Protein backbone atom coordinates (compact mmCIF):
# COMPACT_ATOMS: atom_id res chain seq x y z
CA MET A 1 0.00 0.00 0.00
CA ILE A 2 2.75 2.46 0.98
CA THR A 3 4.55 1.98 -2.35
CA ARG A 4 1.48 3.34 -4.14
CA LEU A 5 1.73 6.69 -2.37
CA TYR A 6 4.71 7.82 -4.45
CA ASP A 7 6.67 6.72 -7.52
CA ARG A 8 9.59 4.58 -6.28
CA ALA A 9 11.14 4.66 -9.77
CA GLN A 10 11.89 8.38 -9.34
CA ILE A 11 13.50 7.98 -5.92
CA SER A 12 16.76 6.06 -5.88
CA LYS A 13 18.81 5.94 -2.72
CA GLU A 14 21.72 7.66 -4.45
CA THR A 15 19.76 10.66 -5.74
CA ARG A 16 17.62 11.49 -2.70
CA LEU A 17 17.84 15.09 -1.57
CA PHE A 18 18.06 13.95 2.07
CA SER A 19 19.94 10.77 2.94
CA ASN A 20 19.16 8.91 6.16
CA LYS A 21 22.23 10.58 7.66
CA ASN A 22 20.94 14.03 6.61
CA LEU A 23 17.58 13.24 8.19
CA ARG A 24 19.22 12.19 11.45
CA ILE A 25 21.30 15.39 11.52
CA LEU A 26 18.15 17.46 10.97
CA LEU A 27 15.62 15.58 13.11
CA ILE A 28 17.54 14.47 16.21
CA PRO A 29 18.36 18.03 17.40
CA LEU A 30 14.74 19.06 16.74
CA ILE A 31 13.42 16.14 18.77
CA ILE A 32 15.86 16.86 21.60
CA GLU A 33 14.99 20.55 21.56
CA GLN A 34 11.25 19.93 21.67
CA LEU A 35 11.57 17.36 24.45
CA LEU A 36 13.86 19.54 26.56
CA ASN A 37 11.61 22.56 26.05
CA SER A 38 8.67 20.53 27.27
CA PHE A 39 10.60 19.09 30.22
CA MET A 40 11.67 22.61 31.14
CA GLY A 41 8.08 23.80 30.83
CA MET A 42 6.96 20.98 33.10
CA ALA A 43 9.68 21.86 35.62
CA ASP A 44 8.54 25.50 35.40
CA THR A 45 4.94 24.47 36.13
CA MET A 46 6.03 22.25 39.03
CA MET A 47 8.05 25.05 40.63
CA VAL A 48 5.23 27.57 40.29
CA SER A 49 2.74 25.00 41.64
CA ASN A 50 4.70 24.87 44.89
CA VAL A 51 3.73 28.49 45.47
CA GLY A 52 0.09 27.37 45.65
CA SER A 53 -2.98 26.58 43.56
CA ALA A 54 -3.70 30.28 43.04
CA ALA A 55 -0.26 30.75 41.46
CA ILE A 56 -0.46 27.80 39.08
CA SER A 57 -4.03 28.74 38.16
CA ALA A 58 -2.92 32.32 37.37
CA VAL A 59 -0.03 31.13 35.22
CA SER A 60 -2.31 28.65 33.44
CA LEU A 61 -4.89 31.35 32.63
CA VAL A 62 -2.31 33.83 31.33
CA ASP A 63 -0.43 31.18 29.37
CA SER A 64 -3.67 30.36 27.57
CA ILE A 65 -3.50 33.90 26.14
CA ASN A 66 0.27 33.88 25.75
CA VAL A 67 0.13 30.72 23.68
CA LEU A 68 -2.32 32.48 21.34
CA ILE A 69 0.24 35.27 20.86
CA ILE A 70 3.04 32.75 20.43
CA GLN A 71 1.07 31.08 17.65
CA VAL A 72 1.22 34.33 15.68
CA PHE A 73 5.01 34.22 15.95
CA SER A 74 5.06 30.52 15.13
CA ALA A 75 3.00 31.18 12.00
CA MET A 76 5.55 33.74 10.81
CA ALA A 77 8.30 31.24 11.58
CA VAL A 78 6.45 28.64 9.50
CA GLY A 79 6.21 31.13 6.65
CA ALA A 80 9.93 31.87 6.98
CA THR A 81 10.85 28.18 6.99
CA ILE A 82 8.74 27.35 3.93
CA ILE A 83 9.75 30.37 1.84
CA CYS A 84 13.45 30.12 2.69
CA SER A 85 13.62 26.32 2.28
CA GLN A 86 11.96 26.51 -1.16
CA TYR A 87 14.38 29.22 -2.30
CA LEU A 88 17.29 27.13 -1.00
CA GLY A 89 15.88 24.10 -2.83
CA ARG A 90 16.03 26.18 -6.02
CA GLY A 91 19.59 27.23 -5.21
CA ASP A 92 18.62 30.92 -4.95
CA GLU A 93 20.42 32.07 -1.78
CA LYS A 94 20.16 35.77 -2.70
CA LYS A 95 16.36 35.67 -2.80
CA CYS A 96 16.34 33.55 0.34
CA ASN A 97 18.36 36.16 2.24
CA GLU A 98 16.15 38.99 1.03
CA ALA A 99 13.07 37.06 2.20
CA ALA A 100 14.73 36.58 5.61
CA ARG A 101 15.27 40.33 5.95
CA GLN A 102 11.62 41.01 5.21
CA VAL A 103 10.51 38.43 7.76
CA PHE A 104 12.72 40.14 10.35
CA ILE A 105 11.20 43.60 10.02
CA SER A 106 7.65 42.20 9.72
CA ILE A 107 7.83 40.08 12.86
CA LEU A 108 9.49 42.85 14.85
CA ALA A 109 6.69 45.29 13.99
CA ILE A 110 3.93 42.76 14.71
CA ALA A 111 5.45 41.62 18.02
CA THR A 112 5.95 45.19 19.25
CA LEU A 113 2.32 46.09 18.55
CA LEU A 114 1.10 42.94 20.30
CA MET A 115 3.28 43.71 23.33
CA ILE A 116 1.86 47.24 23.63
CA GLY A 117 -1.71 46.01 23.24
CA ALA A 118 -1.30 43.18 25.77
CA ILE A 119 0.18 45.49 28.41
CA ALA A 120 -2.41 48.21 27.89
CA PHE A 121 -5.47 45.92 27.92
CA ARG A 122 -4.39 43.02 30.10
CA ALA A 123 -6.93 43.65 32.89
CA PRO A 124 -10.07 43.92 30.71
CA LEU A 125 -8.80 41.07 28.54
CA LEU A 126 -8.46 38.69 31.49
CA GLN A 127 -11.85 39.71 32.85
CA MET A 128 -13.54 39.33 29.46
CA ILE A 129 -12.16 35.85 28.79
CA PHE A 130 -12.24 34.27 32.23
CA GLY A 131 -14.96 36.27 33.96
CA LYS A 132 -15.01 36.13 37.73
CA VAL A 133 -12.09 34.21 39.19
CA GLU A 134 -10.75 34.30 42.73
CA GLN A 135 -9.10 37.61 43.62
CA ASP A 136 -5.65 36.18 44.40
CA VAL A 137 -5.68 34.31 41.09
CA MET A 138 -6.50 37.53 39.20
CA SER A 139 -3.84 39.53 41.05
CA ASN A 140 -1.16 36.97 40.20
CA ALA A 141 -2.40 36.77 36.62
CA LEU A 142 -2.08 40.53 36.07
CA THR A 143 1.51 40.53 37.33
CA TYR A 144 2.51 37.51 35.27
CA PHE A 145 0.82 38.88 32.12
CA PHE A 146 2.58 42.27 32.32
CA ILE A 147 6.09 40.85 32.61
CA THR A 148 5.69 38.04 30.07
CA ALA A 149 4.19 40.49 27.54
CA LEU A 150 7.48 42.41 27.63
CA SER A 151 9.16 39.31 26.19
CA TYR A 152 6.99 39.10 23.04
CA PRO A 153 9.45 40.84 20.66
CA PHE A 154 12.33 38.70 21.89
CA LEU A 155 10.37 35.47 21.62
CA ALA A 156 9.16 36.38 18.12
CA LEU A 157 12.66 37.18 16.89
CA PHE A 158 14.10 33.98 18.33
CA ASN A 159 11.38 31.93 16.58
CA VAL A 160 12.16 33.36 13.15
CA GLY A 161 15.92 33.29 13.78
CA ALA A 162 15.68 29.59 14.59
CA ALA A 163 13.48 29.10 11.50
CA PHE A 164 16.23 30.56 9.28
CA TYR A 165 18.71 27.98 10.56
CA ARG A 166 16.24 25.11 10.24
CA ALA A 167 15.29 26.08 6.69
CA SER A 168 18.92 25.53 5.72
CA GLY A 169 19.01 22.15 7.49
CA ASN A 170 20.88 23.34 10.59
CA SER A 171 18.69 22.42 13.56
CA LYS A 172 21.59 21.74 15.92
CA PHE A 173 22.47 25.37 16.66
CA PRO A 174 18.92 26.54 17.59
CA MET A 175 18.68 23.46 19.82
CA LYS A 176 21.83 24.48 21.71
CA VAL A 177 20.59 28.04 22.18
CA SER A 178 17.16 26.85 23.30
CA VAL A 179 18.64 24.42 25.81
CA LEU A 180 20.87 27.13 27.29
CA ALA A 181 17.91 29.53 27.52
CA ASN A 182 15.74 26.93 29.24
CA CYS A 183 18.48 26.12 31.72
CA LEU A 184 18.79 29.85 32.45
CA ASN A 185 15.02 29.96 33.00
CA ILE A 186 15.12 27.06 35.47
CA VAL A 187 18.04 28.55 37.42
CA GLY A 188 16.24 31.90 37.46
CA ASN A 189 13.08 30.21 38.79
CA ILE A 190 15.01 28.51 41.58
CA LEU A 191 16.60 31.79 42.65
CA LEU A 192 13.60 34.09 42.26
CA ILE A 193 10.84 31.74 43.44
CA PHE A 194 12.52 29.77 46.23
CA VAL A 195 15.41 31.97 47.36
CA PHE A 196 13.98 35.50 46.94
CA ARG A 197 10.36 34.36 47.42
CA MET A 198 9.08 36.40 44.49
CA GLY A 199 6.41 33.86 43.49
CA VAL A 200 4.70 34.39 40.14
CA MET A 201 6.67 37.60 39.52
CA GLY A 202 9.90 35.64 39.84
CA ALA A 203 8.73 33.05 37.30
CA ALA A 204 7.81 35.81 34.85
CA ILE A 205 11.12 37.68 35.22
CA SER A 206 13.04 34.45 34.70
CA THR A 207 11.08 33.79 31.49
CA LEU A 208 11.75 37.33 30.23
CA CYS A 209 15.50 37.10 30.86
CA SER A 210 15.84 33.71 29.16
CA ARG A 211 14.03 34.97 26.04
CA ILE A 212 16.24 38.06 25.83
CA PHE A 213 19.30 35.83 26.12
CA CYS A 214 18.36 33.40 23.32
CA THR A 215 17.41 36.24 20.95
CA ILE A 216 20.73 38.05 21.42
CA VAL A 217 22.70 34.85 20.86
CA ILE A 218 20.92 33.65 17.73
CA PHE A 219 21.03 37.04 15.99
CA TYR A 220 24.66 37.53 16.90
CA PHE A 221 25.50 34.35 14.99
CA LEU A 222 23.08 35.06 12.12
CA HIS A 223 25.18 38.03 11.00
CA LYS A 224 28.26 35.84 10.45
CA PRO A 225 29.11 35.01 6.79
CA LYS A 226 29.70 31.58 5.20
CA GLN A 227 26.23 30.18 5.96
CA PRO A 228 23.19 29.92 3.66
CA ILE A 229 21.19 32.64 5.45
CA VAL A 230 23.00 35.75 6.72
CA LEU A 231 21.21 38.62 8.43
CA ASN A 232 22.99 41.93 9.02
CA GLY A 233 22.63 45.64 8.36
CA TYR A 234 19.35 45.74 10.26
CA PHE A 235 18.95 49.51 10.01
CA LYS A 236 19.35 49.38 6.23
CA ILE A 237 16.45 46.97 5.70
CA ARG A 238 13.56 48.49 3.74
CA PRO A 239 10.18 46.86 3.16
CA ASN A 240 9.80 44.73 0.03
CA PHE A 241 6.05 44.31 -0.03
CA LYS A 242 6.07 41.58 -2.67
CA LEU A 243 8.24 39.33 -0.52
CA ILE A 244 6.34 40.27 2.64
CA ALA A 245 3.13 39.30 0.85
CA ALA A 246 4.64 35.92 -0.10
CA VAL A 247 5.56 35.22 3.52
CA LEU A 248 2.18 36.43 4.77
CA ALA A 249 0.41 34.26 2.18
CA VAL A 250 1.76 31.30 4.12
CA GLY A 251 1.90 32.89 7.56
CA ILE A 252 -1.61 34.36 7.67
CA PRO A 253 -3.52 31.09 7.00
CA THR A 254 -1.21 29.29 9.41
CA GLY A 255 -1.69 32.09 11.93
CA ILE A 256 -5.48 31.95 11.54
CA GLU A 257 -5.38 28.18 11.96
CA ASN A 258 -3.20 28.40 15.07
CA GLY A 259 -5.11 31.41 16.36
CA MET A 260 -8.48 29.71 16.01
CA PHE A 261 -7.02 26.71 17.77
CA GLN A 262 -5.98 28.89 20.69
CA PHE A 263 -9.27 30.80 20.73
CA GLY A 264 -10.92 27.42 21.03
CA LYS A 265 -8.64 26.55 23.92
CA LEU A 266 -9.55 29.84 25.58
CA ALA A 267 -13.26 29.02 25.19
CA ILE A 268 -12.57 25.65 26.78
CA GLN A 269 -10.40 27.22 29.48
CA SER A 270 -13.19 29.64 30.28
CA THR A 271 -15.51 26.67 30.83
CA VAL A 272 -12.93 24.83 32.95
CA SER A 273 -12.23 27.96 35.03
CA GLU A 274 -15.83 27.83 36.26
CA MET A 275 -15.18 24.38 37.77
CA GLY A 276 -12.89 25.74 40.49
CA THR A 277 -9.20 25.90 41.31
CA ILE A 278 -8.79 22.11 41.65
CA SER A 279 -10.04 21.48 38.11
CA ILE A 280 -7.97 24.36 36.69
CA ALA A 281 -4.82 22.97 38.31
CA ALA A 282 -5.56 19.43 37.08
CA GLN A 283 -6.17 20.65 33.55
CA ALA A 284 -3.02 22.82 33.61
CA MET A 285 -0.80 19.87 34.55
CA THR A 286 -2.54 17.59 32.04
CA ASN A 287 -1.92 20.14 29.29
CA THR A 288 1.77 20.22 30.21
CA LEU A 289 2.09 16.41 30.24
CA GLU A 290 0.12 15.98 27.01
CA ALA A 291 2.37 18.52 25.32
CA LEU A 292 5.37 16.54 26.56
CA ASN A 293 4.24 13.26 25.01
CA GLY A 294 3.78 14.93 21.63
CA MET A 295 6.96 16.98 21.53
CA ALA A 296 9.25 14.43 19.88
CA ALA A 297 6.75 13.86 17.08
CA MET A 298 6.26 17.62 16.77
CA GLY A 299 10.01 17.96 16.22
CA ILE A 300 9.74 15.51 13.32
CA GLY A 301 6.89 17.58 11.87
CA ILE A 302 8.96 20.77 12.08
CA GLY A 303 11.83 19.03 10.32
CA LEU A 304 9.44 17.72 7.66
CA MET A 305 8.70 21.32 6.63
CA THR A 306 12.36 21.89 5.75
CA VAL A 307 12.58 18.55 3.89
CA VAL A 308 9.41 19.01 1.84
CA GLY A 309 10.10 22.72 1.26
CA GLN A 310 13.48 21.97 -0.29
CA CYS A 311 12.06 19.06 -2.31
CA ILE A 312 9.28 21.23 -3.74
CA GLY A 313 11.73 24.07 -4.44
CA ALA A 314 13.92 21.61 -6.34
CA GLY A 315 10.91 20.30 -8.29
CA ARG A 316 10.99 16.84 -6.64
CA LYS A 317 7.32 16.23 -5.87
CA GLU A 318 7.53 12.43 -5.69
CA GLU A 319 10.39 12.75 -3.24
CA ALA A 320 8.29 15.11 -1.12
CA LYS A 321 5.57 12.42 -0.96
CA TYR A 322 8.15 9.82 -0.01
CA TYR A 323 9.45 11.88 2.90
CA ILE A 324 5.95 12.65 4.21
CA VAL A 325 5.19 8.93 4.40
CA LYS A 326 8.58 8.08 5.90
CA LEU A 327 8.59 10.79 8.56
CA THR A 328 4.97 10.13 9.52
CA GLY A 329 6.07 6.57 10.27
CA TYR A 330 8.94 7.87 12.40
CA ALA A 331 6.52 10.13 14.26
CA GLU A 332 4.14 7.27 15.01
CA VAL A 333 6.92 5.27 16.65
CA VAL A 334 8.00 8.14 18.90
CA ILE A 335 4.38 8.96 19.85
CA ILE A 336 3.84 5.42 21.15
CA ILE A 337 7.06 5.51 23.16
CA SER A 338 6.41 9.04 24.48
CA CYS A 339 2.83 8.35 25.56
CA PHE A 340 3.74 5.33 27.66
CA PHE A 341 6.77 7.06 29.18
CA VAL A 342 4.75 10.13 30.20
CA LEU A 343 2.01 7.96 31.71
CA LEU A 344 4.65 6.24 33.87
CA ILE A 345 5.94 9.56 35.24
CA THR A 346 2.53 11.21 35.72
CA LYS A 347 1.99 10.18 39.34
CA PRO A 348 5.56 11.04 40.46
CA VAL A 349 5.29 14.41 38.70
CA THR A 350 2.00 15.30 40.40
CA MET A 351 3.52 14.34 43.76
CA LEU A 352 6.66 16.42 43.18
CA ALA A 353 4.49 19.32 42.07
CA GLY A 354 2.68 19.24 45.40
CA MET A 355 -0.72 18.95 43.73
CA GLU A 356 -3.79 18.37 45.85
CA VAL A 357 -4.96 14.74 45.92
CA GLU A 358 -8.11 15.33 43.87
CA SER A 359 -6.25 17.38 41.24
CA ALA A 360 -3.63 14.64 40.93
CA ARG A 361 -6.31 11.95 40.56
CA MET A 362 -8.12 13.89 37.83
CA CYS A 363 -4.82 14.50 36.02
CA PHE A 364 -3.89 10.79 35.98
CA SER A 365 -7.33 9.78 34.66
CA MET A 366 -7.04 12.22 31.78
CA MET A 367 -3.49 11.12 30.96
CA LEU A 368 -4.58 7.46 30.87
CA ALA A 369 -7.25 8.28 28.28
CA ILE A 370 -4.73 10.30 26.24
CA THR A 371 -2.24 7.42 26.26
CA ILE A 372 -4.87 5.08 24.80
CA VAL A 373 -6.21 7.38 22.07
CA LYS A 374 -3.27 9.53 20.97
CA PRO A 375 -1.14 6.81 19.30
CA LEU A 376 -4.16 5.78 17.21
CA VAL A 377 -4.97 9.09 15.52
CA TRP A 378 -2.64 11.96 16.46
CA GLY A 379 0.16 11.24 13.97
CA LEU A 380 -2.05 11.23 10.88
CA SER A 381 -3.94 14.29 12.10
CA PHE A 382 -0.80 16.46 12.35
CA ILE A 383 2.39 15.18 10.69
CA PRO A 384 1.30 14.93 7.00
CA ALA A 385 -0.21 18.41 7.36
CA TYR A 386 3.25 19.84 8.14
CA GLY A 387 4.53 18.50 4.83
CA MET A 388 1.51 19.64 2.84
CA ARG A 389 1.81 23.15 4.29
CA ALA A 390 5.47 23.22 3.25
CA ALA A 391 4.32 22.62 -0.32
CA GLY A 392 2.02 25.65 -0.07
CA ASP A 393 -1.25 23.90 0.79
CA VAL A 394 -1.97 26.19 3.74
CA LYS A 395 -5.56 27.31 3.10
CA PHE A 396 -6.97 23.78 3.09
CA SER A 397 -5.23 23.03 6.39
CA MET A 398 -6.54 26.29 7.86
CA ILE A 399 -10.15 25.59 6.89
CA ILE A 400 -10.24 21.96 8.01
CA SER A 401 -8.38 22.54 11.27
CA THR A 402 -10.60 25.47 12.18
CA LEU A 403 -13.83 23.60 11.47
CA THR A 404 -12.87 20.41 13.30
CA MET A 405 -11.59 22.38 16.26
CA TRP A 406 -14.76 24.45 16.72
CA PHE A 407 -17.27 21.69 16.01
CA CYS A 408 -15.48 18.85 17.83
CA ARG A 409 -13.10 20.26 20.38
CA VAL A 410 -15.03 23.33 21.54
CA ALA A 411 -18.71 22.61 20.91
CA LEU A 412 -18.56 19.02 22.14
CA CYS A 413 -16.60 20.00 25.27
CA ILE A 414 -19.00 22.79 26.21
CA TYR A 415 -22.01 20.56 25.51
CA LEU A 416 -20.67 17.74 27.71
CA CYS A 417 -19.79 20.16 30.52
CA ARG A 418 -22.93 22.25 30.61
CA VAL A 419 -25.57 19.72 29.59
CA TRP A 420 -24.23 16.49 31.03
CA GLY A 421 -22.13 17.88 33.86
CA PHE A 422 -18.80 16.39 32.75
CA GLY A 423 -15.62 17.60 34.43
CA PRO A 424 -12.29 18.40 32.69
CA MET A 425 -12.37 15.03 30.89
CA ALA A 426 -14.84 16.65 28.47
CA VAL A 427 -11.92 18.69 27.11
CA TRP A 428 -10.15 15.52 26.02
CA ILE A 429 -13.23 13.80 24.63
CA GLY A 430 -13.64 16.81 22.32
CA MET A 431 -9.92 16.68 21.52
CA PHE A 432 -10.09 12.99 20.58
CA ALA A 433 -12.99 13.66 18.21
CA ASP A 434 -11.02 16.52 16.62
CA TRP A 435 -7.89 14.39 16.12
CA THR A 436 -9.85 11.52 14.59
CA LEU A 437 -11.72 13.65 12.06
CA ARG A 438 -8.54 15.54 11.10
CA ALA A 439 -6.69 12.25 10.58
CA ILE A 440 -9.35 11.01 8.16
CA ILE A 441 -9.53 14.26 6.17
CA PHE A 442 -5.77 14.92 5.94
CA THR A 443 -5.07 11.34 4.90
CA GLY A 444 -7.59 11.75 2.07
CA ARG A 445 -6.02 15.05 1.06
CA PHE A 446 -2.55 13.51 0.92
CA LEU A 447 -3.72 10.56 -1.16
CA SER A 448 -5.48 12.92 -3.61
CA GLY A 449 -2.18 14.63 -4.49
CA LYS A 450 -3.88 18.04 -4.79
CA TRP A 451 -1.65 19.49 -2.07
CA CYS A 452 1.49 19.36 -4.25
CA GLU A 453 -0.14 21.37 -7.04
CA LYS A 454 0.20 24.59 -5.02
CA SER A 455 2.97 27.18 -5.37
CA VAL A 456 4.59 29.48 -2.82
CA VAL A 457 7.61 31.04 -4.55
């Protein structure tokens, strides 16, 4: 069956654009980076949770909004990866570098505006989305939101800087920078939360400092010559609206898709926040653990964008199909391993985090359900879509992902909570329905071959 998905006659081992060794060099650092980022995020959550349920609830509520903002930056990074990798696949480094310069000024402007807006309207925004929450939760949330919003420009620039390296096949350097930044964040948390007793403020300051650090490092090295993408002369960059439009043509649909996904999560979070602090804390830890068991596979998906982008740029469509099938298989293996590993550490993690008994019990029940369902449908619902986006098929992904998210994930969750009185497990029942439907639709789209008829550059 698999051999029918692409033309083997056009793909000899000797002529492949990416050998198995090339794939290992690209994918292993991405997997390590994603896993370590998630482990660091989990450690961050555990340290904040020791301050109390009000603290972890505040961080969870604000991070629901922060993740929405981050998705805007991620969408621009996706656009940068796809555009730059396709130009590199064509062998046009000059155009690739010009596109990188346009991404830089675009993301800086967008991130600065978002930072100003978030700081100015953080109080009404929190009240509008989450309604009435306990006073100490809201007080902590306002502090955490203000400080983390200051980091938006730095986070945005690091995302696109890392995307430039990955587009050229160098995922090892962004991994090193990310690991150093996360270690700095953990050390900062230990000092500011436990030594100086700064609580949520300490966690936010530590996050801000680590993001400033990684941005400075990655852009310092991006200006060095003798690499495919070089970025310098920042004050001489002038807008090239044609190239900006090409990046936005990929970034905007991806941003809408990611944004709608996060709006849906906020709608769900608003429902969960009405269940009380115990449910919020359980859901926050479950979100962290679920993200952890998908991180390795997510790293493969990120790498797939570079692989398919370069294949499409070089005019090798059959090879692009081959790599989508191959890397989806890799992702499935790591999902199975990750899910069972995370389930094994769930109880120890909830104990170390000092979670209340009922919160810990709810968290384990949700993680058990995730471990059963996720290996069955998650891979096909996400990994092929990375490759199809890299070929330029971004609008289809946007439409399908938005519809399945709102009709399955959000509507079903709210219905189960408010009509049938389900607890936080309703969130995951809706999620499972979303994953399953996406897997069916994206598999059909891949088999149709329509996705590789698109053009980006």
